[in-house]
Amino acid sequence: MLYKLIRIYEVPADSLVEATDHFREALELHVEKDFLVHDRWKPPGQSSASTKRPAPRAGMPWWLRVLRQQLLG
């Protein structure tokens, strides 16, 4: 059986790059649990269709795709 395990972290930062750097440093120092907010799991066979975001439309401008990616992750 395959379970889906999801860990949610919150990292304080002014930008995505800074957050990534902080989290990478936390991983190296083995203190990533300081940023852990929530653990989730899904049993085998449960559909994840409700958690997937729709793909951006092909006609969407590049700057809007970047903005959407930054806001929604």
N, C-alpha and C. Protein backbone atom coordinates (compact mmCIF):
# COMPACT_ATOMS: atom_id res chain seq x y z
N MET A 1 0.83 -1.18 0.00
CA MET A 1 0.00 0.00 0.00
C MET A 1 0.88 1.25 0.00
N LEU A 2 0.41 2.26 -0.69
CA LEU A 2 1.13 3.53 -0.73
C LEU A 2 0.27 4.62 -0.09
N TYR A 3 0.81 5.25 0.92
CA TYR A 3 0.15 6.37 1.57
C TYR A 3 0.77 7.67 1.07
N LYS A 4 -0.03 8.72 1.00
CA LYS A 4 0.49 10.05 0.66
C LYS A 4 0.69 10.82 1.95
N LEU A 5 1.92 11.26 2.19
CA LEU A 5 2.26 12.02 3.38
C LEU A 5 2.61 13.44 2.95
N ILE A 6 2.01 14.41 3.62
CA ILE A 6 2.21 15.81 3.26
C ILE A 6 2.62 16.56 4.52
N ARG A 7 3.70 17.31 4.44
CA ARG A 7 4.15 18.13 5.56
C ARG A 7 4.03 19.59 5.15
N ILE A 8 3.42 20.40 6.00
CA ILE A 8 3.22 21.82 5.72
C ILE A 8 4.18 22.60 6.63
N TYR A 9 4.99 23.44 6.00
CA TYR A 9 5.94 24.28 6.73
C TYR A 9 5.61 25.74 6.48
N GLU A 10 5.84 26.59 7.47
CA GLU A 10 5.74 28.04 7.30
C GLU A 10 7.10 28.62 7.63
N VAL A 11 7.66 29.33 6.65
CA VAL A 11 8.99 29.90 6.80
C VAL A 11 8.90 31.41 6.64
N PRO A 12 9.25 32.18 7.67
CA PRO A 12 9.18 33.64 7.54
C PRO A 12 10.29 34.15 6.62
N ALA A 13 9.90 34.98 5.66
CA ALA A 13 10.86 35.54 4.72
C ALA A 13 10.18 36.64 3.92
N ASP A 14 11.00 37.44 3.24
CA ASP A 14 10.48 38.52 2.40
C ASP A 14 10.26 38.08 0.96
N SER A 15 10.84 36.95 0.57
CA SER A 15 10.69 36.46 -0.80
C SER A 15 10.78 34.94 -0.80
N LEU A 16 10.38 34.36 -1.92
CA LEU A 16 10.45 32.90 -2.06
C LEU A 16 11.89 32.41 -1.99
N VAL A 17 12.79 33.15 -2.59
CA VAL A 17 14.21 32.76 -2.57
C VAL A 17 14.74 32.77 -1.14
N GLU A 18 14.41 33.80 -0.40
CA GLU A 18 14.86 33.90 0.99
C GLU A 18 14.26 32.77 1.83
N ALA A 19 12.98 32.47 1.61
CA ALA A 19 12.34 31.38 2.35
C ALA A 19 13.00 30.04 2.02
N THR A 20 13.32 29.84 0.75
CA THR A 20 13.99 28.61 0.34
C THR A 20 15.36 28.50 0.99
N ASP A 21 16.09 29.60 1.02
CA ASP A 21 17.41 29.59 1.66
C ASP A 21 17.31 29.29 3.15
N HIS A 22 16.34 29.92 3.82
CA HIS A 22 16.16 29.67 5.26
C HIS A 22 15.81 28.21 5.51
N PHE A 23 14.92 27.67 4.69
CA PHE A 23 14.50 26.29 4.91
C PHE A 23 15.63 25.31 4.59
N ARG A 24 16.39 25.59 3.55
CA ARG A 24 17.53 24.73 3.22
C ARG A 24 18.54 24.73 4.37
N GLU A 25 18.76 25.90 4.95
CA GLU A 25 19.66 25.99 6.10
C GLU A 25 19.11 25.21 7.29
N ALA A 26 17.80 25.29 7.50
CA ALA A 26 17.17 24.53 8.59
C ALA A 26 17.33 23.03 8.37
N LEU A 27 17.22 22.59 7.12
CA LEU A 27 17.41 21.17 6.82
C LEU A 27 18.84 20.74 7.12
N GLU A 28 19.80 21.58 6.75
CA GLU A 28 21.21 21.25 7.00
C GLU A 28 21.51 21.17 8.50
N LEU A 29 20.84 22.02 9.29
CA LEU A 29 21.06 22.04 10.73
C LEU A 29 20.13 21.08 11.48
N HIS A 30 19.27 20.39 10.74
CA HIS A 30 18.31 19.42 11.30
C HIS A 30 17.34 20.08 12.29
N VAL A 31 16.89 21.30 11.98
CA VAL A 31 15.92 21.99 12.82
C VAL A 31 14.66 22.35 12.02
N GLU A 32 14.39 21.60 10.95
CA GLU A 32 13.23 21.91 10.12
C GLU A 32 11.91 21.77 10.87
N LYS A 33 11.91 21.00 11.97
CA LYS A 33 10.68 20.84 12.75
C LYS A 33 10.25 22.15 13.40
N ASP A 34 11.17 23.10 13.52
CA ASP A 34 10.80 24.42 14.05
C ASP A 34 9.80 25.13 13.15
N PHE A 35 9.80 24.80 11.86
CA PHE A 35 8.91 25.44 10.89
C PHE A 35 7.69 24.59 10.57
N LEU A 36 7.63 23.38 11.11
CA LEU A 36 6.54 22.46 10.81
C LEU A 36 5.23 22.96 11.41
N VAL A 37 4.20 23.02 10.58
CA VAL A 37 2.90 23.50 11.02
C VAL A 37 1.90 22.35 11.11
N HIS A 38 1.93 21.47 10.11
CA HIS A 38 0.88 20.46 10.03
C HIS A 38 1.36 19.25 9.23
N ASP A 39 0.97 18.07 9.66
CA ASP A 39 1.20 16.84 8.90
C ASP A 39 -0.15 16.33 8.41
N ARG A 40 -0.19 15.89 7.16
CA ARG A 40 -1.41 15.30 6.61
C ARG A 40 -1.05 13.98 5.96
N TRP A 41 -2.01 13.11 5.86
CA TRP A 41 -1.81 11.85 5.17
C TRP A 41 -3.10 11.46 4.48
N LYS A 42 -2.95 10.69 3.42
CA LYS A 42 -4.10 10.18 2.68
C LYS A 42 -3.94 8.68 2.55
N PRO A 43 -4.99 7.94 2.84
CA PRO A 43 -4.91 6.49 2.71
C PRO A 43 -4.84 6.08 1.24
N PRO A 44 -4.38 4.87 0.98
CA PRO A 44 -4.30 4.40 -0.40
C PRO A 44 -5.68 4.42 -1.06
N GLY A 45 -5.69 4.78 -2.32
CA GLY A 45 -6.93 4.77 -3.08
C GLY A 45 -7.74 6.04 -2.99
N GLN A 46 -7.43 6.94 -2.06
CA GLN A 46 -8.19 8.18 -1.97
C GLN A 46 -7.74 9.12 -3.08
N SER A 47 -8.70 9.64 -3.80
CA SER A 47 -8.39 10.52 -4.92
C SER A 47 -7.88 11.86 -4.42
N SER A 48 -6.89 12.39 -5.12
CA SER A 48 -6.39 13.71 -4.78
C SER A 48 -6.87 14.74 -5.79
N ALA A 49 -7.90 14.40 -6.56
CA ALA A 49 -8.40 15.31 -7.59
C ALA A 49 -8.92 16.61 -6.98
N SER A 50 -9.45 16.55 -5.77
CA SER A 50 -10.00 17.76 -5.16
C SER A 50 -8.90 18.72 -4.71
N THR A 51 -7.67 18.23 -4.56
CA THR A 51 -6.59 19.11 -4.11
C THR A 51 -5.75 19.66 -5.25
N LYS A 52 -5.98 19.20 -6.47
CA LYS A 52 -5.19 19.68 -7.60
C LYS A 52 -5.75 21.00 -8.12
N ARG A 53 -4.85 21.90 -8.46
CA ARG A 53 -5.26 23.17 -9.05
C ARG A 53 -5.34 23.01 -10.55
N PRO A 54 -6.26 23.72 -11.18
CA PRO A 54 -6.32 23.64 -12.64
C PRO A 54 -5.07 24.24 -13.27
N ALA A 55 -4.68 23.69 -14.39
CA ALA A 55 -3.50 24.19 -15.11
C ALA A 55 -3.81 25.57 -15.69
N PRO A 56 -2.81 26.45 -15.73
CA PRO A 56 -3.06 27.77 -16.31
C PRO A 56 -3.39 27.66 -17.80
N ARG A 57 -4.22 28.56 -18.25
CA ARG A 57 -4.61 28.56 -19.66
C ARG A 57 -3.41 28.91 -20.52
N ALA A 58 -3.40 28.40 -21.74
CA ALA A 58 -2.28 28.63 -22.65
C ALA A 58 -2.16 30.10 -23.03
N GLY A 59 -3.28 30.83 -23.09
CA GLY A 59 -3.25 32.22 -23.50
C GLY A 59 -2.92 33.20 -22.38
N MET A 60 -2.63 32.70 -21.19
CA MET A 60 -2.35 33.58 -20.06
C MET A 60 -0.98 34.24 -20.23
N PRO A 61 -0.87 35.56 -20.02
CA PRO A 61 0.43 36.23 -20.15
C PRO A 61 1.44 35.67 -19.14
N TRP A 62 2.71 35.73 -19.49
CA TRP A 62 3.76 35.15 -18.65
C TRP A 62 3.78 35.79 -17.27
N TRP A 63 3.56 37.11 -17.19
CA TRP A 63 3.63 37.78 -15.90
C TRP A 63 2.47 37.35 -15.00
N LEU A 64 1.33 37.03 -15.60
CA LEU A 64 0.20 36.57 -14.81
C LEU A 64 0.44 35.14 -14.30
N ARG A 65 1.09 34.31 -15.12
CA ARG A 65 1.45 32.96 -14.67
C ARG A 65 2.42 33.02 -13.50
N VAL A 66 3.40 33.93 -13.57
CA VAL A 66 4.37 34.08 -12.48
C VAL A 66 3.67 34.57 -11.22
N LEU A 67 2.81 35.57 -11.36
CA LEU A 67 2.07 36.09 -10.22
C LEU A 67 1.20 35.00 -9.59
N ARG A 68 0.51 34.26 -10.42
CA ARG A 68 -0.35 33.18 -9.92
C ARG A 68 0.48 32.12 -9.20
N GLN A 69 1.64 31.78 -9.77
CA GLN A 69 2.52 30.79 -9.15
C GLN A 69 3.00 31.27 -7.78
N GLN A 70 3.35 32.55 -7.68
CA GLN A 70 3.84 33.08 -6.41
C GLN A 70 2.73 33.17 -5.37
N LEU A 71 1.53 33.49 -5.79
CA LEU A 71 0.43 33.62 -4.84
C LEU A 71 -0.13 32.28 -4.40
N LEU A 72 -0.24 31.35 -5.33
CA LEU A 72 -0.88 30.07 -5.03
C LEU A 72 0.10 28.94 -4.76
N GLY A 73 1.35 29.13 -5.10
CA GLY A 73 2.36 28.10 -4.84
C GLY A 73 2.49 27.08 -5.91
